[in-house]
Amino acid sequence: MTMFEKEIKLLVMAALRDNPDTCTQPIRVQVRGRNVMLSGVVGSENTVLEAIITVESVSEFLNVYSRLLVREVETTPAHQVAAVAAV
């Protein structure tokens, strides 16, 4: 990793830490030249958008790519909830 890439990574990670929507999310950052790749599993689609916008705010010359996935919310079907409530 070049000094430029290290510097960009530090700036991107600081920006993600400073954003209340992304600071608690396990987002990994990889930098190759001007390309920034975000990966990990986050809580919502909004968090994905916030992460991308946050990285783009670091420099308009960065190419931001996201492999962020949204964590599925575990839901219980209504008929199972009704069966448990009836017991």
PDB file of N, CA and C in Angstrom:
ATOM      1  N   MET A   1       0.857  -1.178   0.000  1.00  0.00           N
ATOM      2  CA  MET A   1       0.000   0.000   0.000  1.00  0.00           C
ATOM      3  C   MET A   1       0.901   1.239   0.000  1.00  0.00           C
ATOM      4  N   THR A   2       0.624   2.152  -0.903  1.00  0.00           N
ATOM      5  CA  THR A   2       1.427   3.368  -1.009  1.00  0.00           C
ATOM      6  C   THR A   2       1.064   4.342   0.117  1.00  0.00           C
ATOM      7  N   MET A   3       1.882   5.338   0.298  1.00  0.00           N
ATOM      8  CA  MET A   3       1.592   6.371   1.306  1.00  0.00           C
ATOM      9  C   MET A   3       0.282   7.077   0.975  1.00  0.00           C
ATOM     10  N   PHE A   4       0.043   7.324  -0.312  1.00  0.00           N
ATOM     11  CA  PHE A   4      -1.206   7.951  -0.742  1.00  0.00           C
ATOM     12  C   PHE A   4      -2.398   7.097  -0.318  1.00  0.00           C
ATOM     13  N   GLU A   5      -2.325   5.797  -0.569  1.00  0.00           N
ATOM     14  CA  GLU A   5      -3.424   4.894  -0.215  1.00  0.00           C
ATOM     15  C   GLU A   5      -3.633   4.832   1.296  1.00  0.00           C
ATOM     16  N   LYS A   6      -2.549   4.825   2.052  1.00  0.00           N
ATOM     17  CA  LYS A   6      -2.658   4.825   3.518  1.00  0.00           C
ATOM     18  C   LYS A   6      -3.340   6.093   4.010  1.00  0.00           C
ATOM     19  N   GLU A   7      -2.939   7.222   3.434  1.00  0.00           N
ATOM     20  CA  GLU A   7      -3.529   8.512   3.817  1.00  0.00           C
ATOM     21  C   GLU A   7      -5.022   8.547   3.493  1.00  0.00           C
ATOM     22  N   ILE A   8      -5.387   8.090   2.303  1.00  0.00           N
ATOM     23  CA  ILE A   8      -6.805   8.054   1.912  1.00  0.00           C
ATOM     24  C   ILE A   8      -7.580   7.145   2.854  1.00  0.00           C
ATOM     25  N   LYS A   9      -7.032   5.976   3.165  1.00  0.00           N
ATOM     26  CA  LYS A   9      -7.720   5.040   4.059  1.00  0.00           C
ATOM     27  C   LYS A   9      -7.954   5.674   5.427  1.00  0.00           C
ATOM     28  N   LEU A  10      -6.953   6.352   5.965  1.00  0.00           N
ATOM     29  CA  LEU A  10      -7.108   7.021   7.263  1.00  0.00           C
ATOM     30  C   LEU A  10      -8.185   8.097   7.210  1.00  0.00           C
ATOM     31  N   LEU A  11      -8.200   8.880   6.137  1.00  0.00           N
ATOM     32  CA  LEU A  11      -9.210   9.930   5.989  1.00  0.00           C
ATOM     33  C   LEU A  11     -10.615   9.344   5.861  1.00  0.00           C
ATOM     34  N   VAL A  12     -10.746   8.270   5.087  1.00  0.00           N
ATOM     35  CA  VAL A  12     -12.053   7.626   4.902  1.00  0.00           C
ATOM     36  C   VAL A  12     -12.539   7.027   6.214  1.00  0.00           C
ATOM     37  N   MET A  13     -11.657   6.328   6.916  1.00  0.00           N
ATOM     38  CA  MET A  13     -12.055   5.711   8.183  1.00  0.00           C
ATOM     39  C   MET A  13     -12.440   6.769   9.218  1.00  0.00           C
ATOM     40  N   ALA A  14     -11.725   7.880   9.244  1.00  0.00           N
ATOM     41  CA  ALA A  14     -12.065   8.971  10.165  1.00  0.00           C
ATOM     42  C   ALA A  14     -13.432   9.553   9.825  1.00  0.00           C
ATOM     43  N   ALA A  15     -13.706   9.726   8.543  1.00  0.00           N
ATOM     44  CA  ALA A  15     -15.003  10.271   8.123  1.00  0.00           C
ATOM     45  C   ALA A  15     -16.137   9.322   8.504  1.00  0.00           C
ATOM     46  N   LEU A  16     -15.944   8.017   8.311  1.00  0.00           N
ATOM     47  CA  LEU A  16     -16.970   7.038   8.689  1.00  0.00           C
ATOM     48  C   LEU A  16     -17.180   7.013  10.202  1.00  0.00           C
ATOM     49  N   ARG A  17     -16.099   7.179  10.972  1.00  0.00           N
ATOM     50  CA  ARG A  17     -16.199   7.234  12.445  1.00  0.00           C
ATOM     51  C   ARG A  17     -16.935   8.482  12.912  1.00  0.00           C
ATOM     52  N   ASP A  18     -16.773   9.583  12.187  1.00  0.00           N
ATOM     53  CA  ASP A  18     -17.399  10.853  12.574  1.00  0.00           C
ATOM     54  C   ASP A  18     -18.877  10.933  12.200  1.00  0.00           C
ATOM     55  N   ASN A  19     -19.338  10.038  11.349  1.00  0.00           N
ATOM     56  CA  ASN A  19     -20.738  10.039  10.924  1.00  0.00           C
ATOM     57  C   ASN A  19     -21.554   9.178  11.889  1.00  0.00           C
ATOM     58  N   PRO A  20     -22.562   9.757  12.563  1.00  0.00           N
ATOM     59  CA  PRO A  20     -23.351   8.982  13.533  1.00  0.00           C
ATOM     60  C   PRO A  20     -24.086   7.789  12.914  1.00  0.00           C
ATOM     61  N   ASP A  21     -24.350   7.835  11.608  1.00  0.00           N
ATOM     62  CA  ASP A  21     -25.045   6.722  10.948  1.00  0.00           C
ATOM     63  C   ASP A  21     -24.116   5.562  10.606  1.00  0.00           C
ATOM     64  N   THR A  22     -22.816   5.816  10.549  1.00  0.00           N
ATOM     65  CA  THR A  22     -21.879   4.760  10.157  1.00  0.00           C
ATOM     66  C   THR A  22     -20.879   4.383  11.246  1.00  0.00           C
ATOM     67  N   CYS A  23     -20.772   5.183  12.290  1.00  0.00           N
ATOM     68  CA  CYS A  23     -19.707   4.981  13.284  1.00  0.00           C
ATOM     69  C   CYS A  23     -19.794   3.652  14.031  1.00  0.00           C
ATOM     70  N   THR A  24     -20.973   3.081  14.173  1.00  0.00           N
ATOM     71  CA  THR A  24     -21.111   1.820  14.914  1.00  0.00           C
ATOM     72  C   THR A  24     -21.192   0.605  13.996  1.00  0.00           C
ATOM     73  N   GLN A  25     -21.067   0.824  12.708  1.00  0.00           N
ATOM     74  CA  GLN A  25     -21.210  -0.268  11.743  1.00  0.00           C
ATOM     75  C   GLN A  25     -19.849  -0.884  11.407  1.00  0.00           C
ATOM     76  N   PRO A  26     -19.811  -2.211  11.223  1.00  0.00           N
ATOM     77  CA  PRO A  26     -18.542  -2.888  10.892  1.00  0.00           C
ATOM     78  C   PRO A  26     -18.211  -2.769   9.398  1.00  0.00           C
ATOM     79  N   ILE A  27     -17.756  -1.594   9.007  1.00  0.00           N
ATOM     80  CA  ILE A  27     -17.453  -1.333   7.592  1.00  0.00           C
ATOM     81  C   ILE A  27     -15.945  -1.459   7.380  1.00  0.00           C
ATOM     82  N   ARG A  28     -15.565  -2.311   6.441  1.00  0.00           N
ATOM     83  CA  ARG A  28     -14.158  -2.470   6.084  1.00  0.00           C
ATOM     84  C   ARG A  28     -13.848  -1.569   4.887  1.00  0.00           C
ATOM     85  N   VAL A  29     -12.650  -1.009   4.895  1.00  0.00           N
ATOM     86  CA  VAL A  29     -12.232  -0.081   3.836  1.00  0.00           C
ATOM     87  C   VAL A  29     -10.968  -0.621   3.181  1.00  0.00           C
ATOM     88  N   GLN A  30     -11.002  -0.733   1.860  1.00  0.00           N
ATOM     89  CA  GLN A  30      -9.821  -1.092   1.084  1.00  0.00           C
ATOM     90  C   GLN A  30      -9.585   0.017   0.069  1.00  0.00           C
ATOM     91  N   VAL A  31      -8.320   0.363  -0.122  1.00  0.00           N
ATOM     92  CA  VAL A  31      -7.975   1.427  -1.066  1.00  0.00           C
ATOM     93  C   VAL A  31      -6.940   0.899  -2.053  1.00  0.00           C
ATOM     94  N   ARG A  32      -7.214   1.100  -3.320  1.00  0.00           N
ATOM     95  CA  ARG A  32      -6.280   0.777  -4.403  1.00  0.00           C
ATOM     96  C   ARG A  32      -6.251   1.986  -5.327  1.00  0.00           C
ATOM     97  N   GLY A  33      -5.186   2.741  -5.243  1.00  0.00           N
ATOM     98  CA  GLY A  33      -5.119   3.970  -6.036  1.00  0.00           C
ATOM     99  C   GLY A  33      -6.208   4.928  -5.586  1.00  0.00           C
ATOM    100  N   ARG A  34      -7.036   5.372  -6.530  1.00  0.00           N
ATOM    101  CA  ARG A  34      -8.153   6.264  -6.187  1.00  0.00           C
ATOM    102  C   ARG A  34      -9.446   5.500  -5.945  1.00  0.00           C
ATOM    103  N   ASN A  35      -9.393   4.174  -5.964  1.00  0.00           N
ATOM    104  CA  ASN A  35     -10.577   3.342  -5.773  1.00  0.00           C
ATOM    105  C   ASN A  35     -10.725   2.945  -4.306  1.00  0.00           C
ATOM    106  N   VAL A  36     -11.901   3.198  -3.756  1.00  0.00           N
ATOM    107  CA  VAL A  36     -12.200   2.842  -2.371  1.00  0.00           C
ATOM    108  C   VAL A  36     -13.325   1.813  -2.384  1.00  0.00           C
ATOM    109  N   MET A  37     -13.070   0.650  -1.762  1.00  0.00           N
ATOM    110  CA  MET A  37     -14.064  -0.418  -1.687  1.00  0.00           C
ATOM    111  C   MET A  37     -14.540  -0.544  -0.243  1.00  0.00           C
ATOM    112  N   LEU A  38     -15.860  -0.455  -0.068  1.00  0.00           N
ATOM    113  CA  LEU A  38     -16.467  -0.640   1.244  1.00  0.00           C
ATOM    114  C   LEU A  38     -17.094  -2.023   1.280  1.00  0.00           C
ATOM    115  N   SER A  39     -16.906  -2.739   2.386  1.00  0.00           N
ATOM    116  CA  SER A  39     -17.530  -4.052   2.521  1.00  0.00           C
ATOM    117  C   SER A  39     -17.926  -4.270   3.972  1.00  0.00           C
ATOM    118  N   GLY A  40     -18.838  -5.213   4.169  1.00  0.00           N
ATOM    119  CA  GLY A  40     -19.330  -5.534   5.500  1.00  0.00           C
ATOM    120  C   GLY A  40     -20.838  -5.684   5.481  1.00  0.00           C
ATOM    121  N   VAL A  41     -21.396  -5.912   6.654  1.00  0.00           N
ATOM    122  CA  VAL A  41     -22.842  -6.070   6.799  1.00  0.00           C
ATOM    123  C   VAL A  41     -23.336  -4.965   7.721  1.00  0.00           C
ATOM    124  N   VAL A  42     -24.267  -4.149   7.223  1.00  0.00           N
ATOM    125  CA  VAL A  42     -24.774  -2.999   7.978  1.00  0.00           C
ATOM    126  C   VAL A  42     -26.258  -3.161   8.268  1.00  0.00           C
ATOM    127  N   GLY A  43     -26.794  -2.267   9.090  1.00  0.00           N
ATOM    128  CA  GLY A  43     -28.157  -2.398   9.575  1.00  0.00           C
ATOM    129  C   GLY A  43     -29.267  -1.971   8.638  1.00  0.00           C
ATOM    130  N   SER A  44     -28.971  -1.114   7.655  1.00  0.00           N
ATOM    131  CA  SER A  44     -30.062  -0.632   6.804  1.00  0.00           C
ATOM    132  C   SER A  44     -29.529  -0.115   5.470  1.00  0.00           C
ATOM    133  N   GLU A  45     -30.456   0.029   4.525  1.00  0.00           N
ATOM    134  CA  GLU A  45     -30.114   0.608   3.216  1.00  0.00           C
ATOM    135  C   GLU A  45     -29.635   2.047   3.389  1.00  0.00           C
ATOM    136  N   ASN A  46     -30.232   2.762   4.342  1.00  0.00           N
ATOM    137  CA  ASN A  46     -29.832   4.135   4.613  1.00  0.00           C
ATOM    138  C   ASN A  46     -28.360   4.197   5.019  1.00  0.00           C
ATOM    139  N   THR A  47     -27.908   3.223   5.793  1.00  0.00           N
ATOM    140  CA  THR A  47     -26.510   3.191   6.216  1.00  0.00           C
ATOM    141  C   THR A  47     -25.586   2.998   5.021  1.00  0.00           C
ATOM    142  N   VAL A  48     -25.996   2.183   4.065  1.00  0.00           N
ATOM    143  CA  VAL A  48     -25.201   1.993   2.845  1.00  0.00           C
ATOM    144  C   VAL A  48     -25.049   3.329   2.122  1.00  0.00           C
ATOM    145  N   LEU A  49     -26.151   4.031   1.940  1.00  0.00           N
ATOM    146  CA  LEU A  49     -26.107   5.334   1.264  1.00  0.00           C
ATOM    147  C   LEU A  49     -25.267   6.337   2.038  1.00  0.00           C
ATOM    148  N   GLU A  50     -25.426   6.367   3.357  1.00  0.00           N
ATOM    149  CA  GLU A  50     -24.642   7.285   4.193  1.00  0.00           C
ATOM    150  C   GLU A  50     -23.151   6.998   4.074  1.00  0.00           C
ATOM    151  N   ALA A  51     -22.787   5.722   4.046  1.00  0.00           N
ATOM    152  CA  ALA A  51     -21.376   5.357   3.931  1.00  0.00           C
ATOM    153  C   ALA A  51     -20.800   5.839   2.601  1.00  0.00           C
ATOM    154  N   ILE A  52     -21.536   5.626   1.528  1.00  0.00           N
ATOM    155  CA  ILE A  52     -21.068   6.057   0.207  1.00  0.00           C
ATOM    156  C   ILE A  52     -20.931   7.575   0.152  1.00  0.00           C
ATOM    157  N   ILE A  53     -21.943   8.286   0.628  1.00  0.00           N
ATOM    158  CA  ILE A  53     -21.912   9.754   0.632  1.00  0.00           C
ATOM    159  C   ILE A  53     -20.759  10.264   1.489  1.00  0.00           C
ATOM    160  N   THR A  54     -20.541   9.615   2.619  1.00  0.00           N
ATOM    161  CA  THR A  54     -19.459  10.022   3.521  1.00  0.00           C
ATOM    162  C   THR A  54     -18.104   9.878   2.844  1.00  0.00           C
ATOM    163  N   VAL A  55     -17.882   8.764   2.175  1.00  0.00           N
ATOM    164  CA  VAL A  55     -16.600   8.555   1.492  1.00  0.00           C
ATOM    165  C   VAL A  55     -16.443   9.542   0.341  1.00  0.00           C
ATOM    166  N   GLU A  56     -17.506   9.779  -0.399  1.00  0.00           N
ATOM    167  CA  GLU A  56     -17.432  10.746  -1.502  1.00  0.00           C
ATOM    168  C   GLU A  56     -17.101  12.145  -0.997  1.00  0.00           C
ATOM    169  N   SER A  57     -17.480  12.455   0.243  1.00  0.00           N
ATOM    170  CA  SER A  57     -17.199  13.782   0.796  1.00  0.00           C
ATOM    171  C   SER A  57     -15.717  13.974   1.128  1.00  0.00           C
ATOM    172  N   VAL A  58     -14.972  12.888   1.235  1.00  0.00           N
ATOM    173  CA  VAL A  58     -13.536  12.986   1.532  1.00  0.00           C
ATOM    174  C   VAL A  58     -12.804  13.628   0.362  1.00  0.00           C
ATOM    175  N   SER A  59     -13.137  13.213  -0.852  1.00  0.00           N
ATOM    176  CA  SER A  59     -12.529  13.791  -2.053  1.00  0.00           C
ATOM    177  C   SER A  59     -13.391  13.460  -3.258  1.00  0.00           C
ATOM    178  N   GLU A  60     -13.589  14.445  -4.097  1.00  0.00           N
ATOM    179  CA  GLU A  60     -14.390  14.217  -5.301  1.00  0.00           C
ATOM    180  C   GLU A  60     -13.636  13.379  -6.322  1.00  0.00           C
ATOM    181  N   PHE A  61     -12.351  13.138  -6.094  1.00  0.00           N
ATOM    182  CA  PHE A  61     -11.538  12.381  -7.042  1.00  0.00           C
ATOM    183  C   PHE A  61     -11.489  10.888  -6.739  1.00  0.00           C
ATOM    184  N   LEU A  62     -12.198  10.453  -5.691  1.00  0.00           N
ATOM    185  CA  LEU A  62     -12.219   9.033  -5.344  1.00  0.00           C
ATOM    186  C   LEU A  62     -13.342   8.315  -6.084  1.00  0.00           C
ATOM    187  N   ASN A  63     -13.080   7.083  -6.451  1.00  0.00           N
ATOM    188  CA  ASN A  63     -14.109   6.203  -7.006  1.00  0.00           C
ATOM    189  C   ASN A  63     -14.548   5.294  -5.864  1.00  0.00           C
ATOM    190  N   VAL A  64     -15.818   5.354  -5.502  1.00  0.00           N
ATOM    191  CA  VAL A  64     -16.317   4.594  -4.356  1.00  0.00           C
ATOM    192  C   VAL A  64     -17.130   3.406  -4.855  1.00  0.00           C
ATOM    193  N   TYR A  65     -16.765   2.228  -4.363  1.00  0.00           N
ATOM    194  CA  TYR A  65     -17.477   0.997  -4.697  1.00  0.00           C
ATOM    195  C   TYR A  65     -17.976   0.380  -3.399  1.00  0.00           C
ATOM    196  N   SER A  66     -19.202  -0.091  -3.422  1.00  0.00           N
ATOM    197  CA  SER A  66     -19.787  -0.661  -2.212  1.00  0.00           C
ATOM    198  C   SER A  66     -20.138  -2.124  -2.404  1.00  0.00           C
ATOM    199  N   ARG A  67     -19.643  -2.924  -1.495  1.00  0.00           N
ATOM    200  CA  ARG A  67     -20.064  -4.320  -1.373  1.00  0.00           C
ATOM    201  C   ARG A  67     -20.758  -4.500  -0.030  1.00  0.00           C
ATOM    202  N   LEU A  68     -21.307  -3.409   0.474  1.00  0.00           N
ATOM    203  CA  LEU A  68     -22.009  -3.464   1.753  1.00  0.00           C
ATOM    204  C   LEU A  68     -23.315  -4.234   1.590  1.00  0.00           C
ATOM    205  N   LEU A  69     -23.577  -5.104   2.528  1.00  0.00           N
ATOM    206  CA  LEU A  69     -24.814  -5.871   2.547  1.00  0.00           C
ATOM    207  C   LEU A  69     -25.667  -5.395   3.706  1.00  0.00           C
ATOM    208  N   VAL A  70     -26.981  -5.474   3.549  1.00  0.00           N
ATOM    209  CA  VAL A  70     -27.901  -5.084   4.618  1.00  0.00           C
ATOM    210  C   VAL A  70     -28.289  -6.335   5.392  1.00  0.00           C
ATOM    211  N   ARG A  71     -28.116  -6.262   6.701  1.00  0.00           N
ATOM    212  CA  ARG A  71     -28.474  -7.362   7.588  1.00  0.00           C
ATOM    213  C   ARG A  71     -29.972  -7.604   7.496  1.00  0.00           C
ATOM    214  N   GLU A  72     -30.359  -8.851   7.312  1.00  0.00           N
ATOM    215  CA  GLU A  72     -31.781  -9.179   7.241  1.00  0.00           C
ATOM    216  C   GLU A  72     -32.390  -9.089   8.628  1.00  0.00           C
ATOM    217  N   VAL A  73     -33.556  -8.476   8.694  1.00  0.00           N
ATOM    218  CA  VAL A  73     -34.277  -8.382   9.958  1.00  0.00           C
ATOM    219  C   VAL A  73     -35.016  -9.692  10.150  1.00  0.00           C
ATOM    220  N   GLU A  74     -34.805 -10.292  11.322  1.00  0.00           N
ATOM    221  CA  GLU A  74     -35.476 -11.555  11.599  1.00  0.00           C
ATOM    222  C   GLU A  74     -36.928 -11.282  11.949  1.00  0.00           C
ATOM    223  N   THR A  75     -37.819 -11.895  11.211  1.00  0.00           N
ATOM    224  CA  THR A  75     -39.245 -11.698  11.468  1.00  0.00           C
ATOM    225  C   THR A  75     -39.892 -13.043  11.744  1.00  0.00           C
ATOM    226  N   THR A  76     -40.892 -13.012  12.570  1.00  0.00           N
ATOM    227  CA  THR A  76     -41.650 -14.216  12.882  1.00  0.00           C
ATOM    228  C   THR A  76     -42.997 -14.098  12.193  1.00  0.00           C
ATOM    229  N   PRO A  77     -43.390 -15.108  11.409  1.00  0.00           N
ATOM    230  CA  PRO A  77     -44.693 -15.049  10.744  1.00  0.00           C
ATOM    231  C   PRO A  77     -45.823 -14.872  11.751  1.00  0.00           C
ATOM    232  N   ALA A  78     -46.847 -14.142  11.345  1.00  0.00           N
ATOM    233  CA  ALA A  78     -47.968 -13.812  12.234  1.00  0.00           C
ATOM    234  C   ALA A  78     -48.637 -15.052  12.801  1.00  0.00           C
ATOM    235  N   HIS A  79     -48.744 -16.135  12.006  1.00  0.00           N
ATOM    236  CA  HIS A  79     -49.421 -17.327  12.519  1.00  0.00           C
ATOM    237  C   HIS A  79     -48.629 -17.981  13.651  1.00  0.00           C
ATOM    238  N   GLN A  80     -47.293 -17.852  13.641  1.00  0.00           N
ATOM    239  CA  GLN A  80     -46.490 -18.393  14.735  1.00  0.00           C
ATOM    240  C   GLN A  80     -46.647 -17.543  15.985  1.00  0.00           C
ATOM    241  N   VAL A  81     -46.733 -16.233  15.822  1.00  0.00           N
ATOM    242  CA  VAL A  81     -46.940 -15.339  16.960  1.00  0.00           C
ATOM    243  C   VAL A  81     -48.284 -15.637  17.597  1.00  0.00           C
ATOM    244  N   ALA A  82     -49.328 -15.829  16.788  1.00  0.00           N
ATOM    245  CA  ALA A  82     -50.666 -16.126  17.301  1.00  0.00           C
ATOM    246  C   ALA A  82     -50.678 -17.458  18.039  1.00  0.00           C
ATOM    247  N   ALA A  83     -49.949 -18.451  17.531  1.00  0.00           N
ATOM    248  CA  ALA A  83     -49.909 -19.761  18.182  1.00  0.00           C
ATOM    249  C   ALA A  83     -49.228 -19.675  19.539  1.00  0.00           C
ATOM    250  N   VAL A  84     -48.165 -18.898  19.633  1.00  0.00           N
ATOM    251  CA  VAL A  84     -47.467 -18.727  20.911  1.00  0.00           C
ATOM    252  C   VAL A  84     -48.356 -17.977  21.889  1.00  0.00           C
ATOM    253  N   ALA A  85     -49.065 -16.964  21.419  1.00  0.00           N
ATOM    254  CA  ALA A  85     -49.939 -16.171  22.290  1.00  0.00           C
ATOM    255  C   ALA A  85     -51.099 -17.008  22.816  1.00  0.00           C
ATOM    256  N   ALA A  86     -51.538 -17.989  22.045  1.00  0.00           N
ATOM    257  CA  ALA A  86     -52.678 -18.818  22.454  1.00  0.00           C
ATOM    258  C   ALA A  86     -52.288 -19.830  23.522  1.00  0.00           C
ATOM    259  N   VAL A  87     -51.023 -20.120  23.679  1.00  0.00           N
ATOM    260  CA  VAL A  87     -50.575 -21.141  24.638  1.00  0.00           C
ATOM    261  C   VAL A  87     -50.630 -20.654  26.036  1.00  0.00           C
TER     262      VAL A  87
END
